[in-house]
């Protein structure tokens, strides 16, 4: 196995990535090595010999180092990627290969969490069928078949995901939909139950989502209130402008982490430093049991709302109920 063999196979993998329609950023050495690892193709193997490797990210990186040692991967040890490159491999190569239908994730347990150490990836049957023809007269036909069939699957999966999304009716009567999950269900309760009771007539000017960065974002409205949204700042899940009192109500919906503690209050004050309206901080929980789990972390001069007792609130102060405070 010479360096020439390794570079030749790597070049072919990059050619395949381009033909499959991968973005230019993913037509790189790292993604090509991931492709070769998942299809278990050493430098001297023919493409007709593609096989199914089921690998986690670390296992994939180890395979690259073993089978393509002469391809530069790092500075301190050029034969392999550093351990801290794991997220780059996952987020900037594996994730895109999954999105393109070239790899499947967790066929045995699709509901595994993103950070689960047991996450595994393997080639899709469509991709195996196509790649096995690379370099033969059948390649172009197989490539067209891949794009045709994967397009059908993608449409089917998109329809299934859409069917399970969480609909949310905004105060103005318009509707949005959030990614499936308990967090989205709680955000819906904040918008449809908390807002009408405690901020009647208020404007939802920001609404986050786990599946995408935001569902409602009104930067022009916020700018009129003195708020410049920092695209790198961690926005609350829901921002409501309570127009009658001229308050900005910042709501964190908590299902597993992230109550409004002292650190989060400081972060939100910094994020909304230029706001003209007073700031009100609210942590929302689905149940009293979940509230009790985080009660010790809640910051003073903030509010708590529990969806299962939606007509009541808990205020962590003795001076007033629901309102901004001066620094």
C-alpha atoms as a PDB file:
ATOM      1  CA  UNK A   1       0.000   0.000   0.000  1.00  0.00           C
ATOM      2  CA  UNK A   2       1.848   3.054  -1.273  1.00  0.00           C
ATOM      3  CA  UNK A   3       1.139   6.743  -0.797  1.00  0.00           C
ATOM      4  CA  UNK A   4       0.223   6.877  -4.491  1.00  0.00           C
ATOM      5  CA  UNK A   5      -2.457   4.225  -3.912  1.00  0.00           C
ATOM      6  CA  UNK A   6      -3.876   6.231  -1.013  1.00  0.00           C
ATOM      7  CA  UNK A   7      -3.924   9.518  -2.926  1.00  0.00           C
ATOM      8  CA  UNK A   8      -5.501   7.879  -5.985  1.00  0.00           C
ATOM      9  CA  UNK A   9      -8.340   6.368  -3.936  1.00  0.00           C
ATOM     10  CA  UNK A  10      -8.801   9.663  -2.094  1.00  0.00           C
ATOM     11  CA  UNK A  11      -9.097  11.533  -5.395  1.00  0.00           C
ATOM     12  CA  UNK A  12     -11.745   9.078  -6.607  1.00  0.00           C
ATOM     13  CA  UNK A  13     -13.689   9.538  -3.363  1.00  0.00           C
ATOM     14  CA  UNK A  14     -13.668  13.317  -3.868  1.00  0.00           C
ATOM     15  CA  UNK A  15     -14.896  12.830  -7.448  1.00  0.00           C
ATOM     16  CA  UNK A  16     -17.778  10.726  -6.106  1.00  0.00           C
ATOM     17  CA  UNK A  17     -18.670  13.328  -3.500  1.00  0.00           C
ATOM     18  CA  UNK A  18     -18.915  15.969  -6.237  1.00  0.00           C
ATOM     19  CA  UNK A  19     -21.033  13.707  -8.444  1.00  0.00           C
ATOM     20  CA  UNK A  20     -23.387  12.942  -5.569  1.00  0.00           C
ATOM     21  CA  UNK A  21     -23.995  16.681  -5.156  1.00  0.00           C
ATOM     22  CA  UNK A  22     -22.135  17.331  -1.915  1.00  0.00           C
ATOM     23  CA  UNK A  23     -21.389  21.024  -1.230  1.00  0.00           C
ATOM     24  CA  UNK A  24     -17.912  22.208  -2.182  1.00  0.00           C
ATOM     25  CA  UNK A  25     -16.962  22.438   1.500  1.00  0.00           C
ATOM     26  CA  UNK A  26     -17.635  18.699   1.865  1.00  0.00           C
ATOM     27  CA  UNK A  27     -15.642  17.722  -1.238  1.00  0.00           C
ATOM     28  CA  UNK A  28     -12.573  17.755   0.979  1.00  0.00           C
ATOM     29  CA  UNK A  29     -10.055  15.266   2.339  1.00  0.00           C
ATOM     30  CA  UNK A  30     -11.810  14.709   5.664  1.00  0.00           C
ATOM     31  CA  UNK A  31     -15.196  13.901   4.107  1.00  0.00           C
ATOM     32  CA  UNK A  32     -13.574  11.702   1.455  1.00  0.00           C
ATOM     33  CA  UNK A  33     -11.820   9.724   4.200  1.00  0.00           C
ATOM     34  CA  UNK A  34     -15.121   9.353   6.066  1.00  0.00           C
ATOM     35  CA  UNK A  35     -16.695   8.014   2.872  1.00  0.00           C
ATOM     36  CA  UNK A  36     -13.889   5.485   2.428  1.00  0.00           C
ATOM     37  CA  UNK A  37     -14.097   4.443   6.082  1.00  0.00           C
ATOM     38  CA  UNK A  38     -17.847   3.880   6.058  1.00  0.00           C
ATOM     39  CA  UNK A  39     -17.642   1.865   2.823  1.00  0.00           C
ATOM     40  CA  UNK A  40     -14.590  -0.013   4.151  1.00  0.00           C
ATOM     41  CA  UNK A  41     -12.443   0.667   1.079  1.00  0.00           C
ATOM     42  CA  UNK A  42      -8.694   0.439   1.550  1.00  0.00           C
ATOM     43  CA  UNK A  43      -6.394   2.031  -1.062  1.00  0.00           C
ATOM     44  CA  UNK A  44      -5.998  -1.203  -3.070  1.00  0.00           C
ATOM     45  CA  UNK A  45      -9.691  -2.197  -3.073  1.00  0.00           C
ATOM     46  CA  UNK A  46     -11.870  -1.766  -6.153  1.00  0.00           C
ATOM     47  CA  UNK A  47     -15.086   0.217  -5.819  1.00  0.00           C
ATOM     48  CA  UNK A  48     -17.000  -2.942  -6.679  1.00  0.00           C
ATOM     49  CA  UNK A  49     -15.793  -4.247  -3.304  1.00  0.00           C
ATOM     50  CA  UNK A  50     -17.687  -1.661  -1.240  1.00  0.00           C
ATOM     51  CA  UNK A  51     -18.854  -3.077   2.069  1.00  0.00           C
ATOM     52  CA  UNK A  52     -20.889  -1.910   5.044  1.00  0.00           C
ATOM     53  CA  UNK A  53     -18.923  -0.533   7.963  1.00  0.00           C
ATOM     54  CA  UNK A  54     -20.997   0.458  11.004  1.00  0.00           C
ATOM     55  CA  UNK A  55     -18.858   2.924  12.918  1.00  0.00           C
ATOM     56  CA  UNK A  56     -19.018   5.588  15.594  1.00  0.00           C
ATOM     57  CA  UNK A  57     -17.079   8.806  15.054  1.00  0.00           C
ATOM     58  CA  UNK A  58     -13.997   7.726  17.025  1.00  0.00           C
ATOM     59  CA  UNK A  59     -13.969   4.325  15.318  1.00  0.00           C
ATOM     60  CA  UNK A  60     -14.200   6.073  11.953  1.00  0.00           C
ATOM     61  CA  UNK A  61     -11.202   8.282  12.814  1.00  0.00           C
ATOM     62  CA  UNK A  62      -9.195   5.238  13.918  1.00  0.00           C
ATOM     63  CA  UNK A  63     -10.013   3.489  10.611  1.00  0.00           C
ATOM     64  CA  UNK A  64      -8.728   6.510   8.645  1.00  0.00           C
ATOM     65  CA  UNK A  65      -5.444   6.509  10.554  1.00  0.00           C
ATOM     66  CA  UNK A  66      -4.927   2.794  10.020  1.00  0.00           C
ATOM     67  CA  UNK A  67      -5.783   2.536   6.314  1.00  0.00           C
ATOM     68  CA  UNK A  68      -4.651   5.967   5.023  1.00  0.00           C
ATOM     69  CA  UNK A  69      -1.636   6.782   7.207  1.00  0.00           C
ATOM     70  CA  UNK A  70       0.166   8.838   4.546  1.00  0.00           C
ATOM     71  CA  UNK A  71      -2.710  11.279   4.012  1.00  0.00           C
ATOM     72  CA  UNK A  72      -2.022  14.352   6.236  1.00  0.00           C
ATOM     73  CA  UNK A  73      -4.660  14.754   8.940  1.00  0.00           C
ATOM     74  CA  UNK A  74      -3.088  16.850  11.668  1.00  0.00           C
ATOM     75  CA  UNK A  75      -0.056  18.873  12.680  1.00  0.00           C
ATOM     76  CA  UNK A  76       1.276  17.164  15.829  1.00  0.00           C
ATOM     77  CA  UNK A  77       0.586  13.689  14.467  1.00  0.00           C
ATOM     78  CA  UNK A  78      -0.090  13.963  10.715  1.00  0.00           C
ATOM     79  CA  UNK A  79      -1.240  10.332  10.478  1.00  0.00           C
ATOM     80  CA  UNK A  80      -4.500  10.889  12.378  1.00  0.00           C
ATOM     81  CA  UNK A  81      -6.968  13.533  13.422  1.00  0.00           C
ATOM     82  CA  UNK A  82      -6.598  14.859  16.963  1.00  0.00           C
ATOM     83  CA  UNK A  83      -9.276  13.775  19.483  1.00  0.00           C
ATOM     84  CA  UNK A  84     -10.669  17.314  19.548  1.00  0.00           C
ATOM     85  CA  UNK A  85     -11.389  16.986  15.808  1.00  0.00           C
ATOM     86  CA  UNK A  86     -14.183  14.549  16.617  1.00  0.00           C
ATOM     87  CA  UNK A  87     -16.907  17.217  16.461  1.00  0.00           C
ATOM     88  CA  UNK A  88     -15.575  18.533  13.143  1.00  0.00           C
ATOM     89  CA  UNK A  89     -15.765  15.035  11.675  1.00  0.00           C
ATOM     90  CA  UNK A  90     -19.317  14.595  12.974  1.00  0.00           C
ATOM     91  CA  UNK A  91     -20.727  18.058  12.244  1.00  0.00           C
ATOM     92  CA  UNK A  92     -18.889  18.926   9.023  1.00  0.00           C
ATOM     93  CA  UNK A  93     -18.633  15.545   7.297  1.00  0.00           C
ATOM     94  CA  UNK A  94     -20.778  12.764   8.749  1.00  0.00           C
ATOM     95  CA  UNK A  95     -23.845  14.974   9.288  1.00  0.00           C
ATOM     96  CA  UNK A  96     -23.803  16.128   5.651  1.00  0.00           C
ATOM     97  CA  UNK A  97     -23.358  12.572   4.372  1.00  0.00           C
ATOM     98  CA  UNK A  98     -26.421  11.553   6.379  1.00  0.00           C
ATOM     99  CA  UNK A  99     -28.407  14.498   5.010  1.00  0.00           C
ATOM    100  CA  UNK A 100     -27.426  13.496   1.466  1.00  0.00           C
ATOM    101  CA  UNK A 101     -28.684   9.930   1.937  1.00  0.00           C
ATOM    102  CA  UNK A 102     -25.198   8.434   1.630  1.00  0.00           C
ATOM    103  CA  UNK A 103     -25.103   7.339   5.276  1.00  0.00           C
ATOM    104  CA  UNK A 104     -27.816   6.241   7.687  1.00  0.00           C
ATOM    105  CA  UNK A 105     -27.689   6.930  11.415  1.00  0.00           C
ATOM    106  CA  UNK A 106     -28.696   4.502  14.151  1.00  0.00           C
ATOM    107  CA  UNK A 107     -30.837   2.138  12.109  1.00  0.00           C
ATOM    108  CA  UNK A 108     -31.163   0.041  15.257  1.00  0.00           C
ATOM    109  CA  UNK A 109     -32.294   2.953  17.464  1.00  0.00           C
ATOM    110  CA  UNK A 110     -33.258   6.127  15.537  1.00  0.00           C
ATOM    111  CA  UNK A 111     -34.239   8.010  18.714  1.00  0.00           C
ATOM    112  CA  UNK A 112     -30.756   8.035  20.268  1.00  0.00           C
ATOM    113  CA  UNK A 113     -29.728  11.485  21.493  1.00  0.00           C
ATOM    114  CA  UNK A 114     -27.227  13.453  19.396  1.00  0.00           C
ATOM    115  CA  UNK A 115     -24.556  13.187  22.078  1.00  0.00           C
ATOM    116  CA  UNK A 116     -25.119   9.492  22.844  1.00  0.00           C
ATOM    117  CA  UNK A 117     -21.812   7.591  22.845  1.00  0.00           C
ATOM    118  CA  UNK A 118     -23.539   4.681  21.084  1.00  0.00           C
ATOM    119  CA  UNK A 119     -24.374   6.616  17.901  1.00  0.00           C
ATOM    120  CA  UNK A 120     -23.354   4.616  14.830  1.00  0.00           C
ATOM    121  CA  UNK A 121     -23.431   5.289  11.083  1.00  0.00           C
ATOM    122  CA  UNK A 122     -23.384   3.036   8.027  1.00  0.00           C
ATOM    123  CA  UNK A 123     -23.841   3.332   4.233  1.00  0.00           C
ATOM    124  CA  UNK A 124     -27.334   3.439   2.805  1.00  0.00           C
ATOM    125  CA  UNK A 125     -28.351   0.638   0.389  1.00  0.00           C
ATOM    126  CA  UNK A 126     -28.897   3.225  -2.354  1.00  0.00           C
ATOM    127  CA  UNK A 127     -25.371   4.573  -1.979  1.00  0.00           C
ATOM    128  CA  UNK A 128     -23.826   1.086  -1.869  1.00  0.00           C
ATOM    129  CA  UNK A 129     -25.562   0.177  -5.112  1.00  0.00           C
ATOM    130  CA  UNK A 130     -24.362   3.366  -6.808  1.00  0.00           C
ATOM    131  CA  UNK A 131     -20.755   3.438  -5.566  1.00  0.00           C
ATOM    132  CA  UNK A 132     -20.190  -0.190  -6.551  1.00  0.00           C
ATOM    133  CA  UNK A 133     -20.447   0.922 -10.205  1.00  0.00           C
ATOM    134  CA  UNK A 134     -17.937   3.798 -10.014  1.00  0.00           C
ATOM    135  CA  UNK A 135     -15.441   3.581 -12.859  1.00  0.00           C
ATOM    136  CA  UNK A 136     -17.707   1.373 -14.970  1.00  0.00           C
ATOM    137  CA  UNK A 137     -20.085   2.225 -17.854  1.00  0.00           C
ATOM    138  CA  UNK A 138     -22.986   1.811 -15.402  1.00  0.00           C
ATOM    139  CA  UNK A 139     -21.867   4.671 -13.137  1.00  0.00           C
ATOM    140  CA  UNK A 140     -23.907   7.469 -14.743  1.00  0.00           C
ATOM    141  CA  UNK A 141     -27.094   5.406 -14.763  1.00  0.00           C
ATOM    142  CA  UNK A 142     -26.538   4.355 -11.151  1.00  0.00           C
ATOM    143  CA  UNK A 143     -25.903   7.960 -10.177  1.00  0.00           C
ATOM    144  CA  UNK A 144     -29.174   9.087 -11.748  1.00  0.00           C
ATOM    145  CA  UNK A 145     -31.016   6.248  -9.993  1.00  0.00           C
ATOM    146  CA  UNK A 146     -29.514   7.321  -6.656  1.00  0.00           C
ATOM    147  CA  UNK A 147     -30.660  10.919  -7.082  1.00  0.00           C
ATOM    148  CA  UNK A 148     -34.119   9.829  -8.226  1.00  0.00           C
ATOM    149  CA  UNK A 149     -34.740   7.371  -5.393  1.00  0.00           C
ATOM    150  CA  UNK A 150     -33.158   9.481  -2.672  1.00  0.00           C
ATOM    151  CA  UNK A 151     -35.338  12.402  -3.727  1.00  0.00           C
ATOM    152  CA  UNK A 152     -38.425  10.236  -3.182  1.00  0.00           C
ATOM    153  CA  UNK A 153     -37.226   9.088   0.239  1.00  0.00           C
ATOM    154  CA  UNK A 154     -36.358  12.623   1.280  1.00  0.00           C
ATOM    155  CA  UNK A 155     -39.852  13.825   0.327  1.00  0.00           C
ATOM    156  CA  UNK A 156     -41.408  10.952   2.289  1.00  0.00           C
ATOM    157  CA  UNK A 157     -39.332  11.622   5.390  1.00  0.00           C
ATOM    158  CA  UNK A 158     -39.990  15.345   5.192  1.00  0.00           C
ATOM    159  CA  UNK A 159     -43.731  14.659   5.081  1.00  0.00           C
ATOM    160  CA  UNK A 160     -43.453  12.333   8.093  1.00  0.00           C
ATOM    161  CA  UNK A 161     -41.496  14.925  10.072  1.00  0.00           C
ATOM    162  CA  UNK A 162     -43.995  17.628   9.176  1.00  0.00           C
ATOM    163  CA  UNK A 163     -46.888  15.449  10.334  1.00  0.00           C
ATOM    164  CA  UNK A 164     -45.361  15.245  13.807  1.00  0.00           C
ATOM    165  CA  UNK A 165     -44.497  18.934  14.190  1.00  0.00           C
ATOM    166  CA  UNK A 166     -46.072  20.925  17.019  1.00  0.00           C
ATOM    167  CA  UNK A 167     -48.499  23.639  15.814  1.00  0.00           C
ATOM    168  CA  UNK A 168     -48.446  26.947  17.695  1.00  0.00           C
ATOM    169  CA  UNK A 169     -51.099  29.664  17.353  1.00  0.00           C
ATOM    170  CA  UNK A 170     -49.593  33.117  17.906  1.00  0.00           C
ATOM    171  CA  UNK A 171     -51.543  35.909  19.652  1.00  0.00           C
ATOM    172  CA  UNK A 172     -52.285  37.530  16.271  1.00  0.00           C
ATOM    173  CA  UNK A 173     -53.980  34.322  15.077  1.00  0.00           C
ATOM    174  CA  UNK A 174     -51.226  33.194  12.704  1.00  0.00           C
ATOM    175  CA  UNK A 175     -49.791  29.705  13.028  1.00  0.00           C
ATOM    176  CA  UNK A 176     -46.263  28.340  13.152  1.00  0.00           C
ATOM    177  CA  UNK A 177     -44.978  24.803  13.705  1.00  0.00           C
ATOM    178  CA  UNK A 178     -42.129  23.604  15.906  1.00  0.00           C
ATOM    179  CA  UNK A 179     -39.966  20.500  15.842  1.00  0.00           C
ATOM    180  CA  UNK A 180     -41.510  17.492  17.623  1.00  0.00           C
ATOM    181  CA  UNK A 181     -40.693  17.069  21.308  1.00  0.00           C
ATOM    182  CA  UNK A 182     -41.490  18.010  24.904  1.00  0.00           C
ATOM    183  CA  UNK A 183     -39.594  21.288  24.633  1.00  0.00           C
ATOM    184  CA  UNK A 184     -41.774  22.429  21.756  1.00  0.00           C
ATOM    185  CA  UNK A 185     -44.925  21.362  23.601  1.00  0.00           C
ATOM    186  CA  UNK A 186     -43.886  23.598  26.491  1.00  0.00           C
ATOM    187  CA  UNK A 187     -43.135  26.516  24.173  1.00  0.00           C
ATOM    188  CA  UNK A 188     -46.631  26.102  22.704  1.00  0.00           C
ATOM    189  CA  UNK A 189     -48.090  26.269  26.231  1.00  0.00           C
ATOM    190  CA  UNK A 190     -46.140  29.485  26.875  1.00  0.00           C
ATOM    191  CA  UNK A 191     -47.497  31.112  23.712  1.00  0.00           C
ATOM    192  CA  UNK A 192     -51.065  29.828  23.901  1.00  0.00           C
ATOM    193  CA  UNK A 193     -51.652  29.775  27.675  1.00  0.00           C
ATOM    194  CA  UNK A 194     -49.126  31.941  29.536  1.00  0.00           C
ATOM    195  CA  UNK A 195     -49.155  34.864  27.090  1.00  0.00           C
ATOM    196  CA  UNK A 196     -52.945  35.476  26.986  1.00  0.00           C
ATOM    197  CA  UNK A 197     -53.189  35.382  30.796  1.00  0.00           C
ATOM    198  CA  UNK A 198     -50.132  37.342  31.882  1.00  0.00           C
ATOM    199  CA  UNK A 199     -49.221  39.476  28.843  1.00  0.00           C
ATOM    200  CA  UNK A 200     -52.631  40.044  27.180  1.00  0.00           C
ATOM    201  CA  UNK A 201     -52.330  41.823  23.866  1.00  0.00           C
ATOM    202  CA  UNK A 202     -48.586  41.217  23.828  1.00  0.00           C
ATOM    203  CA  UNK A 203     -46.529  40.705  20.665  1.00  0.00           C
ATOM    204  CA  UNK A 204     -44.445  37.556  20.237  1.00  0.00           C
ATOM    205  CA  UNK A 205     -41.294  39.052  18.706  1.00  0.00           C
ATOM    206  CA  UNK A 206     -39.044  35.998  18.982  1.00  0.00           C
ATOM    207  CA  UNK A 207     -39.802  32.274  19.076  1.00  0.00           C
ATOM    208  CA  UNK A 208     -37.005  29.718  19.065  1.00  0.00           C
ATOM    209  CA  UNK A 209     -37.030  26.083  18.005  1.00  0.00           C
ATOM    210  CA  UNK A 210     -34.772  23.078  18.585  1.00  0.00           C
ATOM    211  CA  UNK A 211     -34.813  22.114  14.927  1.00  0.00           C
ATOM    212  CA  UNK A 212     -33.806  25.531  13.586  1.00  0.00           C
ATOM    213  CA  UNK A 213     -32.498  28.707  15.173  1.00  0.00           C
ATOM    214  CA  UNK A 214     -35.832  30.538  15.165  1.00  0.00           C
ATOM    215  CA  UNK A 215     -39.412  30.297  13.985  1.00  0.00           C
ATOM    216  CA  UNK A 216     -40.472  33.893  14.646  1.00  0.00           C
ATOM    217  CA  UNK A 217     -37.891  36.673  14.524  1.00  0.00           C
ATOM    218  CA  UNK A 218     -38.808  40.335  14.161  1.00  0.00           C
ATOM    219  CA  UNK A 219     -35.506  42.232  14.202  1.00  0.00           C
ATOM    220  CA  UNK A 220     -37.067  45.481  12.938  1.00  0.00           C
ATOM    221  CA  UNK A 221     -39.595  45.456  15.793  1.00  0.00           C
ATOM    222  CA  UNK A 222     -36.872  44.686  18.328  1.00  0.00           C
ATOM    223  CA  UNK A 223     -34.655  47.415  16.868  1.00  0.00           C
ATOM    224  CA  UNK A 224     -37.418  49.961  17.550  1.00  0.00           C
ATOM    225  CA  UNK A 225     -37.272  48.807  21.185  1.00  0.00           C
ATOM    226  CA  UNK A 226     -33.514  49.339  21.289  1.00  0.00           C
ATOM    227  CA  UNK A 227     -32.576  45.671  20.894  1.00  0.00           C
ATOM    228  CA  UNK A 228     -30.007  44.556  18.323  1.00  0.00           C
ATOM    229  CA  UNK A 229     -30.209  40.763  18.094  1.00  0.00           C
ATOM    230  CA  UNK A 230     -26.770  39.195  18.377  1.00  0.00           C
ATOM    231  CA  UNK A 231     -26.734  36.200  15.983  1.00  0.00           C
ATOM    232  CA  UNK A 232     -24.176  34.539  18.276  1.00  0.00           C
ATOM    233  CA  UNK A 233     -26.078  35.236  21.500  1.00  0.00           C
ATOM    234  CA  UNK A 234     -28.219  32.586  23.172  1.00  0.00           C
ATOM    235  CA  UNK A 235     -31.707  34.016  22.878  1.00  0.00           C
ATOM    236  CA  UNK A 236     -34.496  32.960  25.254  1.00  0.00           C
ATOM    237  CA  UNK A 237     -37.060  30.532  23.876  1.00  0.00           C
ATOM    238  CA  UNK A 238     -39.824  33.137  23.730  1.00  0.00           C
ATOM    239  CA  UNK A 239     -39.687  36.949  23.795  1.00  0.00           C
ATOM    240  CA  UNK A 240     -42.970  38.806  24.293  1.00  0.00           C
ATOM    241  CA  UNK A 241     -43.409  42.582  24.178  1.00  0.00           C
ATOM    242  CA  UNK A 242     -46.154  43.302  26.702  1.00  0.00           C
ATOM    243  CA  UNK A 243     -47.257  46.539  25.077  1.00  0.00           C
ATOM    244  CA  UNK A 244     -49.684  47.695  27.798  1.00  0.00           C
ATOM    245  CA  UNK A 245     -46.840  47.881  30.336  1.00  0.00           C
ATOM    246  CA  UNK A 246     -43.983  48.231  27.842  1.00  0.00           C
ATOM    247  CA  UNK A 247     -42.154  45.198  29.212  1.00  0.00           C
ATOM    248  CA  UNK A 248     -40.043  42.651  27.384  1.00  0.00           C
ATOM    249  CA  UNK A 249     -40.895  39.268  28.874  1.00  0.00           C
ATOM    250  CA  UNK A 250     -38.066  36.779  28.321  1.00  0.00           C
ATOM    251  CA  UNK A 251     -39.166  33.177  28.775  1.00  0.00           C
ATOM    252  CA  UNK A 252     -36.976  30.092  29.072  1.00  0.00           C
ATOM    253  CA  UNK A 253     -38.875  26.812  28.551  1.00  0.00           C
ATOM    254  CA  UNK A 254     -37.129  24.183  30.680  1.00  0.00           C
ATOM    255  CA  UNK A 255     -37.517  20.456  30.116  1.00  0.00           C
ATOM    256  CA  UNK A 256     -34.003  19.260  30.967  1.00  0.00           C
ATOM    257  CA  UNK A 257     -31.599  22.176  31.454  1.00  0.00           C
ATOM    258  CA  UNK A 258     -31.450  25.948  31.436  1.00  0.00           C
ATOM    259  CA  UNK A 259     -33.532  27.663  34.166  1.00  0.00           C
ATOM    260  CA  UNK A 260     -33.128  31.397  34.650  1.00  0.00           C
ATOM    261  CA  UNK A 261     -30.398  31.356  37.277  1.00  0.00           C
ATOM    262  CA  UNK A 262     -28.164  34.274  38.262  1.00  0.00           C
ATOM    263  CA  UNK A 263     -25.724  33.616  35.417  1.00  0.00           C
ATOM    264  CA  UNK A 264     -28.522  33.465  32.856  1.00  0.00           C
ATOM    265  CA  UNK A 265     -30.003  36.729  34.158  1.00  0.00           C
ATOM    266  CA  UNK A 266     -26.621  38.392  33.639  1.00  0.00           C
ATOM    267  CA  UNK A 267     -26.377  36.947  30.117  1.00  0.00           C
ATOM    268  CA  UNK A 268     -29.870  38.125  29.192  1.00  0.00           C
ATOM    269  CA  UNK A 269     -29.264  41.605  30.607  1.00  0.00           C
ATOM    270  CA  UNK A 270     -26.155  41.842  28.470  1.00  0.00           C
ATOM    271  CA  UNK A 271     -27.972  40.501  25.399  1.00  0.00           C
ATOM    272  CA  UNK A 272     -30.821  43.024  25.855  1.00  0.00           C
ATOM    273  CA  UNK A 273     -28.637  45.835  27.232  1.00  0.00           C
ATOM    274  CA  UNK A 274     -30.046  48.534  24.928  1.00  0.00           C
ATOM    275  CA  UNK A 275     -33.718  47.679  25.441  1.00  0.00           C
ATOM    276  CA  UNK A 276     -36.034  50.574  26.252  1.00  0.00           C
ATOM    277  CA  UNK A 277     -38.716  48.378  27.893  1.00  0.00           C
ATOM    278  CA  UNK A 278     -38.131  46.851  31.302  1.00  0.00           C
ATOM    279  CA  UNK A 279     -37.003  43.230  31.301  1.00  0.00           C
ATOM    280  CA  UNK A 280     -39.009  40.459  32.971  1.00  0.00           C
ATOM    281  CA  UNK A 281     -37.415  37.027  33.370  1.00  0.00           C
ATOM    282  CA  UNK A 282     -39.611  33.918  33.412  1.00  0.00           C
ATOM    283  CA  UNK A 283     -38.729  30.229  33.669  1.00  0.00           C
ATOM    284  CA  UNK A 284     -41.477  27.927  32.366  1.00  0.00           C
ATOM    285  CA  UNK A 285     -41.885  24.289  33.428  1.00  0.00           C
ATOM    286  CA  UNK A 286     -44.364  21.660  32.319  1.00  0.00           C
ATOM    287  CA  UNK A 287     -44.968  20.237  35.816  1.00  0.00           C
ATOM    288  CA  UNK A 288     -44.464  21.118  39.478  1.00  0.00           C
ATOM    289  CA  UNK A 289     -42.234  18.067  39.789  1.00  0.00           C
ATOM    290  CA  UNK A 290     -39.879  19.487  37.174  1.00  0.00           C
ATOM    291  CA  UNK A 291     -40.022  22.893  38.891  1.00  0.00           C
ATOM    292  CA  UNK A 292     -38.991  21.345  42.205  1.00  0.00           C
ATOM    293  CA  UNK A 293     -35.997  19.770  40.470  1.00  0.00           C
ATOM    294  CA  UNK A 294     -34.643  23.220  39.571  1.00  0.00           C
ATOM    295  CA  UNK A 295     -36.127  25.388  42.345  1.00  0.00           C
ATOM    296  CA  UNK A 296     -32.797  25.924  44.101  1.00  0.00           C
ATOM    297  CA  UNK A 297     -31.260  27.351  40.918  1.00  0.00           C
ATOM    298  CA  UNK A 298     -33.898  29.989  40.153  1.00  0.00           C
ATOM    299  CA  UNK A 299     -32.586  33.555  40.431  1.00  0.00           C
ATOM    300  CA  UNK A 300     -34.209  36.137  42.695  1.00  0.00           C
ATOM    301  CA  UNK A 301     -36.300  38.843  41.013  1.00  0.00           C
ATOM    302  CA  UNK A 302     -37.490  36.378  38.369  1.00  0.00           C
ATOM    303  CA  UNK A 303     -40.760  34.524  37.814  1.00  0.00           C
ATOM    304  CA  UNK A 304     -41.759  30.872  37.406  1.00  0.00           C
ATOM    305  CA  UNK A 305     -44.747  29.579  35.466  1.00  0.00           C
ATOM    306  CA  UNK A 306     -45.889  25.940  35.533  1.00  0.00           C
ATOM    307  CA  UNK A 307     -48.040  24.783  32.614  1.00  0.00           C
ATOM    308  CA  UNK A 308     -50.038  22.215  34.602  1.00  0.00           C
ATOM    309  CA  UNK A 309     -51.171  25.072  36.931  1.00  0.00           C
ATOM    310  CA  UNK A 310     -51.382  27.650  34.207  1.00  0.00           C
ATOM    311  CA  UNK A 311     -53.410  30.297  36.069  1.00  0.00           C
ATOM    312  CA  UNK A 312     -50.758  30.764  38.777  1.00  0.00           C
ATOM    313  CA  UNK A 313     -47.199  32.007  38.925  1.00  0.00           C
ATOM    314  CA  UNK A 314     -44.410  31.895  41.499  1.00  0.00           C
ATOM    315  CA  UNK A 315     -42.411  35.069  41.991  1.00  0.00           C
ATOM    316  CA  UNK A 316     -38.974  34.840  43.540  1.00  0.00           C
ATOM    317  CA  UNK A 317     -39.132  38.125  45.421  1.00  0.00           C
ATOM    318  CA  UNK A 318     -41.348  39.888  47.942  1.00  0.00           C
ATOM    319  CA  UNK A 319     -41.586  43.318  46.391  1.00  0.00           C
ATOM    320  CA  UNK A 320     -43.863  42.832  43.402  1.00  0.00           C
ATOM    321  CA  UNK A 321     -45.448  40.254  41.147  1.00  0.00           C
ATOM    322  CA  UNK A 322     -44.412  40.185  37.487  1.00  0.00           C
ATOM    323  CA  UNK A 323     -42.490  43.287  36.603  1.00  0.00           C
ATOM    324  CA  UNK A 324     -39.024  44.612  35.779  1.00  0.00           C
ATOM    325  CA  UNK A 325     -36.460  45.677  38.382  1.00  0.00           C
ATOM    326  CA  UNK A 326     -33.843  48.378  38.276  1.00  0.00           C
ATOM    327  CA  UNK A 327     -30.258  47.205  38.406  1.00  0.00           C
END
